[in-house]
Protein backbone atom coordinates (compact mmCIF):
# COMPACT_ATOMS: atom_id res chain seq x y z
CA UNK A 1 -183.87 67.27 -47.27
CA UNK A 2 -182.25 69.35 -44.49
CA UNK A 3 -181.13 72.87 -44.08
CA UNK A 4 -177.86 74.85 -43.68
CA UNK A 5 -177.49 79.11 -44.35
CA UNK A 6 -174.72 80.69 -44.85
CA UNK A 7 -175.29 84.36 -44.42
CA UNK A 8 -172.42 86.91 -44.94
CA UNK A 9 -172.53 89.30 -42.11
CA UNK A 10 -172.97 92.82 -43.91
CA UNK A 11 -175.68 95.63 -42.06
CA UNK A 12 -174.63 93.69 -38.98
CA UNK A 13 -174.43 90.64 -36.29
CA UNK A 14 -178.10 90.29 -35.84
CA UNK A 15 -179.13 91.37 -38.57
CA UNK A 16 -177.46 88.98 -40.28
CA UNK A 17 -178.41 85.75 -37.80
CA UNK A 18 -182.08 86.72 -38.76
CA UNK A 19 -181.26 86.49 -41.80
CA UNK A 20 -179.69 83.21 -41.52
CA UNK A 21 -182.29 81.52 -38.85
CA UNK A 22 -185.02 82.18 -41.22
CA UNK A 23 -183.19 80.60 -44.02
CA UNK A 24 -183.11 77.59 -42.02
CA UNK A 25 -186.42 77.48 -41.41
CA UNK A 26 -187.15 79.71 -37.99
CA UNK A 27 -187.02 79.34 -34.38
CA UNK A 28 -189.60 77.82 -33.49
CA UNK A 29 -188.75 74.66 -36.19
CA UNK A 30 -185.69 73.75 -33.70
CA UNK A 31 -188.03 74.92 -30.06
CA UNK A 32 -190.85 75.87 -28.00
CA UNK A 33 -191.59 78.87 -26.62
CA UNK A 34 -192.07 76.92 -22.80
CA UNK A 35 -188.58 74.87 -23.75
CA UNK A 36 -185.72 75.36 -20.72
CA UNK A 37 -182.86 76.53 -23.85
CA UNK A 38 -179.23 75.93 -22.85
CA UNK A 39 -176.96 78.29 -24.90
CA UNK A 40 -173.13 76.21 -25.45
CA UNK A 41 -170.91 79.21 -26.75
CA UNK A 42 -166.89 77.65 -27.29
CA UNK A 43 -165.55 79.90 -24.01
CA UNK A 44 -162.06 77.83 -24.13
CA UNK A 45 -159.67 80.35 -23.92
CA UNK A 46 -159.68 84.51 -24.67
CA UNK A 47 -158.76 83.98 -28.48
CA UNK A 48 -161.10 81.87 -30.93
CA UNK A 49 -164.10 82.16 -28.71
CA UNK A 50 -168.10 82.58 -29.63
CA UNK A 51 -168.27 86.13 -30.72
CA UNK A 52 -170.13 87.95 -27.41
CA UNK A 53 -171.95 90.09 -29.95
CA UNK A 54 -173.38 87.31 -32.05
CA UNK A 55 -174.56 85.57 -28.41
CA UNK A 56 -175.97 88.46 -27.51
CA UNK A 57 -178.44 89.49 -31.02
CA UNK A 58 -179.77 85.56 -30.21
CA UNK A 59 -180.74 86.33 -26.43
CA UNK A 60 -182.00 89.35 -27.74
CA UNK A 61 -184.33 87.04 -30.56
CA UNK A 62 -184.81 84.11 -27.85
CA UNK A 63 -186.84 86.84 -25.69
CA UNK A 64 -188.72 87.97 -28.55
CA UNK A 65 -189.89 84.42 -29.49
CA UNK A 66 -190.92 84.38 -25.85
CA UNK A 67 -188.74 82.56 -24.49
CA UNK A 68 -187.74 82.52 -21.01
CA UNK A 69 -185.90 79.52 -19.57
CA UNK A 70 -182.43 79.90 -20.60
CA UNK A 71 -179.30 80.01 -19.82
CA UNK A 72 -175.78 80.07 -20.66
CA UNK A 73 -172.87 76.89 -20.14
CA UNK A 74 -169.68 76.09 -20.94
CA UNK A 75 -166.72 73.36 -19.03
CA UNK A 76 -163.41 74.48 -20.57
CA UNK A 77 -159.84 72.89 -20.18
CA UNK A 78 -158.82 72.43 -16.51
CA UNK A 79 -161.46 72.55 -13.40
CA UNK A 80 -163.71 74.91 -12.51
CA UNK A 81 -161.47 77.18 -11.46
CA UNK A 82 -159.94 77.70 -15.06
CA UNK A 83 -163.79 78.09 -16.05
CA UNK A 84 -164.26 80.74 -14.11
CA UNK A 85 -161.49 83.11 -14.59
CA UNK A 86 -162.21 82.44 -18.54
CA UNK A 87 -165.88 83.61 -17.86
CA UNK A 88 -164.74 86.27 -16.41
CA UNK A 89 -161.67 87.59 -19.10
CA UNK A 90 -164.05 86.21 -22.09
CA UNK A 91 -166.93 89.21 -21.01
CA UNK A 92 -169.20 86.94 -20.57
CA UNK A 93 -170.06 87.23 -17.18
CA UNK A 94 -170.91 90.76 -17.50
CA UNK A 95 -173.28 90.09 -20.57
CA UNK A 96 -175.06 87.60 -18.11
CA UNK A 97 -175.85 90.07 -15.61
CA UNK A 98 -177.33 92.67 -17.89
CA UNK A 99 -179.75 90.35 -18.93
CA UNK A 100 -180.49 88.42 -15.76
CA UNK A 101 -178.84 85.54 -16.74
CA UNK A 102 -176.83 81.81 -15.22
CA UNK A 103 -173.11 80.91 -17.00
CA UNK A 104 -173.32 77.99 -15.59
CA UNK A 105 -169.88 76.51 -14.91
CA UNK A 106 -170.27 72.75 -16.02
CA UNK A 107 -166.53 71.66 -14.43
CA UNK A 108 -168.54 71.86 -11.02
CA UNK A 109 -171.56 70.02 -12.25
CA UNK A 110 -173.44 67.02 -11.13
CA UNK A 111 -172.69 63.90 -13.29
CA UNK A 112 -174.95 62.30 -15.59
CA UNK A 113 -174.00 58.95 -16.80
CA UNK A 114 -175.76 57.99 -20.00
CA UNK A 115 -175.46 54.88 -22.38
CA UNK A 116 -174.31 55.00 -25.85
CA UNK A 117 -176.44 53.71 -28.18
CA UNK A 118 -174.18 51.66 -31.09
CA UNK A 119 -170.83 52.76 -29.49
CA UNK A 120 -167.66 52.85 -31.27
CA UNK A 121 -165.54 53.84 -28.07
CA UNK A 122 -167.68 54.01 -24.90
CA UNK A 123 -170.67 52.86 -23.23
CA UNK A 124 -171.35 55.39 -21.39
CA UNK A 125 -170.61 59.33 -21.42
CA UNK A 126 -170.37 61.61 -18.62
CA UNK A 127 -172.06 65.08 -19.20
CA UNK A 128 -173.07 68.36 -16.96
CA UNK A 129 -176.96 67.55 -15.22
CA UNK A 130 -177.74 70.52 -16.62
CA UNK A 131 -177.12 69.40 -20.30
CA UNK A 132 -179.52 66.72 -19.84
CA UNK A 133 -181.90 68.04 -18.52
CA UNK A 134 -182.08 71.10 -20.96
CA UNK A 135 -184.78 70.35 -22.81
CA UNK A 136 -183.11 71.89 -25.60
CA UNK A 137 -179.49 73.15 -26.97
CA UNK A 138 -178.50 75.54 -29.07
CA UNK A 139 -174.58 74.60 -29.71
CA UNK A 140 -172.66 78.21 -30.96
CA UNK A 141 -168.90 77.13 -31.60
CA UNK A 142 -166.55 79.35 -33.51
CA UNK A 143 -165.10 77.89 -35.99
CA UNK A 144 -161.64 77.04 -36.01
CA UNK A 145 -158.91 74.38 -36.89
CA UNK A 146 -157.78 72.06 -34.09
CA UNK A 147 -154.05 70.57 -33.30
CA UNK A 148 -156.56 66.89 -32.45
CA UNK A 149 -159.23 66.79 -34.95
CA UNK A 150 -158.38 68.81 -38.01
CA UNK A 151 -161.18 71.40 -37.66
CA UNK A 152 -163.61 72.64 -34.51
CA UNK A 153 -167.10 73.46 -35.35
CA UNK A 154 -170.64 71.75 -34.09
CA UNK A 155 -169.90 68.02 -32.97
CA UNK A 156 -166.41 69.28 -31.59
CA UNK A 157 -167.86 71.67 -29.67
CA UNK A 158 -170.34 69.43 -27.55
CA UNK A 159 -167.12 67.87 -25.77
CA UNK A 160 -167.81 71.43 -23.33
CA UNK A 161 -171.16 69.45 -22.24
CA UNK A 162 -168.63 66.56 -20.51
CA UNK A 163 -167.21 66.95 -16.82
CA UNK A 164 -163.92 66.64 -14.85
CA UNK A 165 -161.66 63.61 -16.24
CA UNK A 166 -163.91 62.59 -18.99
CA UNK A 167 -162.24 65.15 -21.90
CA UNK A 168 -159.65 63.07 -20.72
CA UNK A 169 -161.25 59.68 -20.81
CA UNK A 170 -162.14 60.72 -24.65
CA UNK A 171 -158.67 60.99 -25.50
CA UNK A 172 -157.88 57.79 -23.89
CA UNK A 173 -160.55 55.86 -25.71
CA UNK A 174 -160.05 57.43 -29.03
CA UNK A 175 -161.00 61.12 -29.26
CA UNK A 176 -162.64 60.77 -33.17
CA UNK A 177 -165.01 58.33 -32.21
CA UNK A 178 -165.63 59.27 -28.82
CA UNK A 179 -166.93 62.67 -30.19
CA UNK A 180 -169.35 60.30 -32.48
CA UNK A 181 -170.53 58.59 -29.16
CA UNK A 182 -171.22 61.56 -27.70
CA UNK A 183 -173.20 63.24 -30.46
CA UNK A 184 -175.17 60.49 -30.78
CA UNK A 185 -176.07 60.42 -27.34
CA UNK A 186 -177.15 63.81 -26.88
CA UNK A 187 -177.78 66.34 -29.79
CA UNK A 188 -178.57 70.23 -29.88
CA UNK A 189 -181.54 71.09 -31.78
CA UNK A 190 -180.20 73.78 -33.07
CA UNK A 191 -176.36 75.32 -34.53
CA UNK A 192 -175.09 77.94 -34.87
CA UNK A 193 -171.55 78.57 -36.20
CA UNK A 194 -169.75 81.67 -35.18
CA UNK A 195 -167.98 82.41 -38.15
CA UNK A 196 -166.97 86.30 -38.13
CA UNK A 197 -163.57 85.81 -37.08
CA UNK A 198 -161.96 82.56 -36.86
CA UNK A 199 -158.90 81.01 -35.60
CA UNK A 200 -156.72 79.03 -38.53
CA UNK A 201 -152.77 77.33 -38.13
CA UNK A 202 -153.43 76.28 -34.81
CA UNK A 203 -156.41 75.65 -32.55
CA UNK A 204 -158.09 75.73 -30.29
CA UNK A 205 -155.95 78.31 -28.74
CA UNK A 206 -152.58 79.78 -30.48
CA UNK A 207 -153.33 80.62 -33.85
CA UNK A 208 -153.72 83.10 -36.47
CA UNK A 209 -157.42 85.05 -36.31
CA UNK A 210 -159.07 85.40 -39.86
CA UNK A 211 -161.67 88.00 -40.65
CA UNK A 212 -164.23 85.82 -42.52
CA UNK A 213 -167.62 87.67 -41.83
CA UNK A 214 -170.04 84.14 -41.47
CA UNK A 215 -172.64 82.78 -39.96
CA UNK A 216 -173.79 79.24 -40.72
CA UNK A 217 -177.12 77.84 -39.37
CA UNK A 218 -178.75 74.21 -38.97
CA UNK A 219 -180.52 71.94 -36.86
CA UNK A 220 -177.80 68.93 -37.53
CA UNK A 221 -174.57 69.24 -36.12
CA UNK A 222 -173.01 66.57 -38.33
CA UNK A 223 -174.34 67.99 -41.42
CA UNK A 224 -173.66 71.53 -40.27
CA UNK A 225 -169.91 70.54 -39.87
CA UNK A 226 -169.51 69.02 -43.53
CA UNK A 227 -170.92 72.51 -44.69
CA UNK A 228 -168.49 74.25 -42.82
CA UNK A 229 -165.70 71.81 -43.64
CA UNK A 230 -166.36 72.85 -46.71
CA UNK A 231 -165.84 76.37 -46.09
CA UNK A 232 -162.53 76.21 -44.26
CA UNK A 233 -160.99 73.74 -47.57
CA UNK A 234 -161.12 70.51 -46.03
CA UNK A 235 -161.71 67.62 -47.51
CA UNK A 236 -163.88 64.75 -45.44
CA UNK A 237 -160.88 62.37 -44.99
CA UNK A 238 -159.08 65.10 -42.79
CA UNK A 239 -162.27 65.44 -40.62
CA UNK A 240 -162.43 61.60 -39.18
CA UNK A 241 -164.92 62.60 -36.12
CA UNK A 242 -167.10 64.05 -38.50
CA UNK A 243 -166.09 61.02 -41.47
CA UNK A 244 -166.99 58.48 -39.19
CA UNK A 245 -170.24 60.67 -37.74
CA UNK A 246 -171.99 60.61 -41.33
CA UNK A 247 -171.14 57.11 -41.98
CA UNK A 248 -172.56 55.82 -38.65
CA UNK A 249 -175.71 57.90 -39.23
CA UNK A 250 -176.10 57.02 -42.61
CA UNK A 251 -176.45 61.22 -44.35
CA UNK A 252 -177.05 61.19 -47.73
CA UNK A 253 -175.02 64.43 -48.29
CA UNK A 254 -176.45 64.66 -51.79
CA UNK A 255 -179.63 65.80 -49.79
CA UNK A 256 -177.67 68.35 -47.95
CA UNK A 257 -179.74 71.74 -49.21
CA UNK A 258 -177.07 74.83 -48.71
CA UNK A 259 -179.07 78.13 -49.25
CA UNK A 260 -178.14 81.36 -48.66
CA UNK A 261 -174.21 82.08 -49.62
CA UNK A 262 -173.11 79.78 -52.29
CA UNK A 263 -170.02 77.38 -50.41
CA UNK A 264 -167.88 78.17 -53.54
CA UNK A 265 -168.33 82.47 -53.46
CA UNK A 266 -167.21 82.39 -49.82
CA UNK A 267 -164.67 79.16 -49.25
CA UNK A 268 -161.39 80.27 -47.88
CA UNK A 269 -158.39 77.76 -47.41
CA UNK A 270 -158.07 77.86 -44.11
CA UNK A 271 -153.62 77.08 -43.22
CA UNK A 272 -153.98 73.83 -40.59
CA UNK A 273 -151.96 73.13 -38.43
CA UNK A 274 -148.14 72.38 -39.03
CA UNK A 275 -146.49 70.83 -36.26
CA UNK A 276 -142.94 72.24 -37.52
CA UNK A 277 -144.41 75.25 -36.40
CA UNK A 278 -145.46 74.21 -32.50
CA UNK A 279 -142.25 71.87 -31.44
CA UNK A 280 -139.90 73.88 -30.18
CA UNK A 281 -136.15 74.19 -32.01
CA UNK A 282 -134.29 72.10 -30.19
CA UNK A 283 -136.62 69.11 -29.59
CA UNK A 284 -136.29 65.79 -31.31
CA UNK A 285 -139.44 63.67 -31.21
CA UNK A 286 -139.31 59.98 -30.91
CA UNK A 287 -142.65 58.52 -31.30
CA UNK A 288 -143.80 54.43 -30.81
CA UNK A 289 -147.09 53.80 -30.92
CA UNK A 290 -148.33 56.72 -28.24
CA UNK A 291 -152.23 56.99 -27.95
CA UNK A 292 -153.56 60.32 -29.20
CA UNK A 293 -154.16 61.49 -25.54
CA UNK A 294 -150.56 61.97 -25.14
CA UNK A 295 -149.52 62.96 -28.73
CA UNK A 296 -152.05 65.72 -28.48
CA UNK A 297 -150.69 66.60 -24.63
CA UNK A 298 -147.73 66.94 -26.11
CA UNK A 299 -148.69 69.65 -28.75
CA UNK A 300 -150.86 71.50 -26.30
CA UNK A 301 -147.68 71.79 -24.05
CA UNK A 302 -145.33 73.01 -26.55
CA UNK A 303 -147.28 75.92 -26.39
CA UNK A 304 -146.88 77.19 -22.93
CA UNK A 305 -142.66 76.29 -23.38
CA UNK A 306 -141.44 79.78 -22.84
CA UNK A 307 -138.23 79.38 -24.51
CA UNK A 308 -136.06 76.81 -26.21
CA UNK A 309 -133.74 74.77 -24.08
CA UNK A 310 -130.26 75.59 -25.01
CA UNK A 311 -128.79 71.52 -24.81
CA UNK A 312 -130.97 69.59 -27.10
CA UNK A 313 -134.05 68.12 -25.87
CA UNK A 314 -135.52 64.19 -27.01
CA UNK A 315 -138.61 63.34 -25.93
CA UNK A 316 -140.16 59.66 -25.93
CA UNK A 317 -143.66 58.96 -26.23
CA UNK A 318 -145.04 55.30 -26.21
CA UNK A 319 -144.15 51.93 -24.90
CA UNK A 320 -141.31 51.41 -27.13
CA UNK A 321 -138.28 53.69 -26.46
CA UNK A 322 -135.44 53.66 -28.82
CA UNK A 323 -131.95 54.90 -28.28
CA UNK A 324 -131.07 58.21 -28.08
CA UNK A 325 -129.08 60.25 -30.16
CA UNK A 326 -125.17 60.05 -29.61
CA UNK A 327 -125.01 64.05 -29.05
CA UNK A 328 -125.41 65.26 -25.56
CA UNK A 329 -128.97 66.11 -24.39
CA UNK A 330 -131.80 66.11 -22.36
CA UNK A 331 -134.31 62.72 -22.13
CA UNK A 332 -137.49 63.16 -21.36
CA UNK A 333 -140.27 60.76 -20.65
CA UNK A 334 -143.51 61.78 -22.09
CA UNK A 335 -146.38 59.96 -20.64
CA UNK A 336 -147.53 56.79 -18.47
CA UNK A 337 -146.77 54.55 -21.25
CA UNK A 338 -142.95 55.54 -21.15
CA UNK A 339 -141.22 52.72 -19.37
CA UNK A 340 -139.51 53.40 -15.70
CA UNK A 341 -136.51 51.84 -16.63
CA UNK A 342 -136.06 54.56 -19.94
CA UNK A 343 -132.83 56.29 -19.05
CA UNK A 344 -134.79 59.47 -18.58
CA UNK A 345 -133.67 62.82 -17.12
CA UNK A 346 -137.47 63.64 -16.15
CA UNK A 347 -140.36 60.87 -17.09
CA UNK A 348 -143.81 63.60 -16.88
CA UNK A 349 -146.32 60.59 -16.04
CA UNK A 350 -149.63 61.62 -16.86
CA UNK A 351 -152.45 59.74 -19.57
CA UNK A 352 -151.91 62.81 -20.40
CA UNK A 353 -149.68 64.81 -18.51
CA UNK A 354 -150.61 68.25 -17.46
CA UNK A 355 -149.89 70.79 -20.14
CA UNK A 356 -147.76 72.50 -17.63
CA UNK A 357 -145.41 69.86 -16.48
CA UNK A 358 -143.39 69.93 -19.40
CA UNK A 359 -142.64 73.75 -19.29
CA UNK A 360 -142.44 72.98 -15.40
CA UNK A 361 -139.57 71.19 -15.86
CA UNK A 362 -138.05 72.40 -18.00
CA UNK A 363 -137.65 75.70 -15.80
CA UNK A 364 -135.49 73.42 -13.66
CA UNK A 365 -132.46 73.06 -16.41
CA UNK A 366 -129.22 74.51 -15.59
CA UNK A 367 -127.85 75.64 -18.93
CA UNK A 368 -123.99 75.62 -20.09
């Protein structure tokens, strides 16, 4: 029977981590002393990232266990320069320097193309060479809601081993199915969920922080995510990639044993993503069969809009463009699927568009 442990942080983070690991079988269940170990935290920003105290505690435990070949690695959204910026701002550069370790920017890595077995959306997936060559991956997600996938936990966090345009490609082919394909191609050996300080209402950035003070540990990413989703108050049907993963891998949820804190005692219904709180005032959205890549890119783009324009803005997504309203407005086509003859004031191309492009265009508008 698979075990997923839940421990409340009381005396300290390291003490709670030790308890959670022991309840889940101990480090020796998941890795050997001579393994090369990659630690994969979530560093995609400066908030809603993996608790640095938790990662430092894990490093100390790994050294005590006898592991000597280990490193940290991540690829954030954007390019290698953006990833380096987040490494510095998050404090992780200082952490690895204290322990004489390497923090690898996977956005600058060599690509390894792996064949996907029983694919849902991808025949092959492009991952960083360092992730492919590591003998063990310890997955360290932060618990939060996500505008594109409902929640972000262990399965979703593995997207950080993708290189270059592969993240965008996941959106193009169908994000939920692609996440399943990735996790069925390259799997972490151990998953440690940072549910100490979590994010609700919006994610992976821009949400509200909530202190749960929990650590979840398990060997199977999907099973850990199922328990985590229960803690967060989500129904399985609300997390499509998790539902698909459990179905494809024929997981019997009755065989998942929760040890430590019972879910019922620590469940906290997270505030879910609400679109009306993301889209600026004065925007009217016309969506006709747009793919999830453009929908998600638009929601992310809205987070960078500095102020609502004085004139109404109508945003069109998808292949079929309906007529604008009769009132005076600025017409914006968003995404390469929009027809070029859509009589737009601005067609923001891209599949999906660059997240800052909408903001940059709105800056150019002259208001009456």
